[in-house]
Structures are given as structure tokens and as C-alpha cells.
Amino acid sequence: MKHIKIYTDGSSLGNPGFGGYCAILKYKDEEKIISEAFKDVTNNQMELLAVIEALKTIKEPCNVEIYSDSTYVVKAVNEWLTGWVKKNFKNVKNIDLWKQYLEVSKSHTIQANWVKAHNGHPENERCDTIARDVATKLKEGL
């Protein structure tokens, strides 16, 4: 299986507010950047949507390493999600997004890795800038 690295970040100008996400997918020497902005979203929703949308772009089963500064996303993917499913997502926020994640992730082997935000990690810094920029552009465009 191919080995793909995905770097993600989400941003929300207010919580909820205008938000954006960015994901950078890397395979060998190739790189793809995706981003989008939304109204009335939370930071956690944007963090998770970045992962979901990145996984949607992968067309075959792969070994995937996700790098995120979101403890919420990393711990959920690595630790919490199995229990949430067993309890039918009782008392879990963003159920619709987690169900989307389960669907788009099922063909992949995934490991999520936490990176410290605003600490000079090149891809995390790029994702942060792009996510904030798309959210700001949407806000200013209205």
C-alpha cells in the first residue's frame, strides 16, 4: 500500500463563526493542498473536516499518517472512536462528521500524530495560514 502523509488544520473566527480548513497531502514528491471555508462552524468541526476531505481525495487503500495540532482529532482517531461507536455516539458532538470520517477512513490504515501548534512545524504553519485565510475571505466577502 502507498504511504501518504496528511497535514491538517482548522480555524474558526469565533466559535462558532466563520471557519476554514486546510489539508496538505504528501505522497513521495507530490503534494496536494485542499481548503474550504464555511459559516457558523466551530474549530473542532473544521479540524475534523480537514481530515475527512483529505481522506476523500485518496482513491485507493493506503497507509495514512495524519498530522494535526488538534488533540480532539488525534485522540478521537487513535483512542476514543471505537468506544464512541460501541455506545452509538452517546454524548458525542459532531456525530455526523464522525460518521463521515468512519466511512472515508474504513479502507485505510490510519495513525494520527499530534504536533504542537504555532511551533514552527512547516506544514502545520502553512495549513494554519491557509485555513485562517479562507475563513477571513469568506467573512469579508459577506
Protein backbone atom coordinates (compact mmCIF):
# COMPACT_ATOMS: atom_id res chain seq x y z
CA MET A 1 0.00 0.00 0.00
CA LYS A 2 1.06 3.55 -0.64
CA HIS A 3 2.15 5.66 2.32
CA ILE A 4 0.53 9.11 2.44
CA LYS A 5 1.10 11.88 4.95
CA ILE A 6 -1.71 14.33 5.62
CA TYR A 7 -1.14 17.59 7.48
CA THR A 8 -4.28 19.38 8.62
CA ASP A 9 -5.55 22.41 10.46
CA GLY A 10 -8.87 24.07 11.08
CA SER A 11 -9.71 27.61 12.04
CA SER A 12 -12.75 29.40 13.37
CA LEU A 13 -13.12 33.16 13.67
CA GLY A 14 -15.43 32.91 16.65
CA ASN A 15 -16.57 29.58 17.97
CA PRO A 16 -18.95 29.16 16.20
CA GLY A 17 -18.18 31.61 13.43
CA PHE A 18 -16.62 31.77 10.02
CA GLY A 19 -14.27 28.86 9.66
CA GLY A 20 -11.88 27.24 7.29
CA TYR A 21 -9.80 24.13 6.95
CA CYS A 22 -6.68 23.15 5.07
CA ALA A 23 -5.07 19.81 4.37
CA ILE A 24 -1.76 19.10 2.69
CA LEU A 25 -1.43 15.59 1.30
CA LYS A 26 2.06 14.29 0.52
CA TYR A 27 2.98 11.17 -1.42
CA LYS A 28 6.63 10.80 -2.38
CA ASP A 29 7.48 14.11 -4.10
CA GLU A 30 3.87 15.02 -4.85
CA GLU A 31 1.83 17.48 -2.83
CA LYS A 32 -1.84 18.44 -2.96
CA ILE A 33 -3.45 21.24 -0.95
CA ILE A 34 -7.18 21.45 -0.30
CA SER A 35 -9.08 24.09 1.66
CA GLU A 36 -12.58 25.48 2.07
CA ALA A 37 -14.48 27.94 4.25
CA PHE A 38 -17.89 27.81 5.94
CA LYS A 39 -20.21 29.94 8.06
CA ASP A 40 -21.39 29.09 11.58
CA VAL A 41 -18.87 26.37 12.36
CA THR A 42 -16.62 25.50 15.28
CA ASN A 43 -12.89 25.00 15.35
CA ASN A 44 -13.33 21.29 16.11
CA GLN A 45 -15.63 20.87 13.12
CA MET A 46 -13.03 22.45 10.84
CA GLU A 47 -10.21 20.35 12.33
CA LEU A 48 -12.19 17.17 11.64
CA LEU A 49 -13.46 18.26 8.23
CA ALA A 50 -9.87 18.83 7.10
CA VAL A 51 -9.14 15.16 7.79
CA ILE A 52 -12.37 13.94 6.18
CA GLU A 53 -11.90 15.95 2.99
CA ALA A 54 -8.27 14.89 2.70
CA LEU A 55 -9.22 11.22 3.02
CA LYS A 56 -11.93 11.67 0.36
CA THR A 57 -9.25 12.58 -2.17
CA ILE A 58 -7.41 9.26 -1.74
CA LYS A 59 -8.65 6.82 -4.36
CA GLU A 60 -7.19 3.52 -3.09
CA PRO A 61 -6.44 1.90 0.29
CA CYS A 62 -3.32 3.45 1.81
CA ASN A 63 -1.26 3.68 4.95
CA VAL A 64 -2.06 7.18 6.14
CA GLU A 65 -0.29 9.28 8.72
CA ILE A 66 -2.30 12.29 9.86
CA TYR A 67 -0.53 15.22 11.50
CA SER A 68 -2.77 17.60 13.41
CA ASP A 69 -2.47 20.12 16.22
CA SER A 70 -5.95 19.10 17.37
CA THR A 71 -5.88 16.88 20.45
CA TYR A 72 -9.61 16.33 19.83
CA VAL A 73 -8.97 14.79 16.40
CA VAL A 74 -5.83 12.85 17.30
CA LYS A 75 -7.20 11.28 20.48
CA ALA A 76 -10.54 10.51 18.86
CA VAL A 77 -8.93 8.76 15.89
CA ASN A 78 -6.38 6.85 17.97
CA GLU A 79 -8.30 6.16 21.19
CA TRP A 80 -11.91 7.29 21.56
CA LEU A 81 -13.68 6.41 18.34
CA THR A 82 -14.05 2.67 18.96
CA GLY A 83 -15.80 3.34 22.28
CA TRP A 84 -17.99 6.03 20.75
CA VAL A 85 -19.19 3.59 18.11
CA LYS A 86 -19.93 0.91 20.74
CA LYS A 87 -22.03 3.46 22.69
CA ASN A 88 -23.73 4.67 19.48
CA PHE A 89 -22.08 8.10 19.87
CA LYS A 90 -23.96 8.86 23.09
CA ASN A 91 -23.00 12.35 24.33
CA VAL A 92 -20.56 12.88 21.44
CA LYS A 93 -20.52 16.14 19.50
CA ASN A 94 -20.22 16.28 15.70
CA ILE A 95 -21.73 12.83 15.21
CA ASP A 96 -22.45 13.48 11.53
CA LEU A 97 -18.80 14.34 10.90
CA TRP A 98 -17.50 11.34 12.85
CA LYS A 99 -19.77 9.06 10.83
CA GLN A 100 -18.37 10.61 7.65
CA TYR A 101 -14.86 10.02 8.99
CA LEU A 102 -15.67 6.34 9.65
CA GLU A 103 -16.94 5.94 6.09
CA VAL A 104 -13.97 7.60 4.35
CA SER A 105 -11.36 6.01 6.61
CA LYS A 106 -12.52 2.40 6.51
CA SER A 107 -10.30 1.30 3.62
CA HIS A 108 -7.14 2.86 5.06
CA THR A 109 -4.74 2.10 7.87
CA ILE A 110 -4.56 5.34 9.82
CA GLN A 111 -2.29 6.70 12.53
CA ALA A 112 -2.91 10.21 13.85
CA ASN A 113 0.00 12.21 15.23
CA TRP A 114 -0.19 15.35 17.33
CA VAL A 115 2.02 18.34 16.52
CA LYS A 116 2.30 21.43 18.67
CA ALA A 117 0.55 24.41 17.09
CA HIS A 118 2.44 27.59 16.25
CA ASN A 119 5.74 25.89 16.93
CA GLY A 120 7.44 26.20 13.58
CA HIS A 121 6.25 22.90 12.04
CA PRO A 122 6.33 23.90 8.33
CA GLU A 123 3.22 22.06 7.11
CA ASN A 124 1.20 22.90 10.22
CA GLU A 125 2.09 26.58 9.84
CA ARG A 126 1.07 26.51 6.16
CA CYS A 127 -2.23 24.79 6.96
CA ASP A 128 -2.92 27.28 9.74
CA THR A 129 -2.33 30.25 7.45
CA ILE A 130 -4.43 28.84 4.62
CA ALA A 131 -7.32 27.83 6.93
CA ARG A 132 -7.40 31.30 8.51
CA ASP A 133 -7.13 33.00 5.12
CA VAL A 134 -10.08 31.15 3.55
CA ALA A 135 -12.22 31.85 6.64
CA THR A 136 -11.27 35.52 6.58
CA LYS A 137 -12.02 35.82 2.86
CA LEU A 138 -15.47 34.31 3.37
CA LYS A 139 -16.18 36.65 6.28
CA GLU A 140 -15.02 39.73 4.37
CA GLY A 141 -16.96 38.67 1.29
CA LEU A 142 -20.31 38.84 3.06
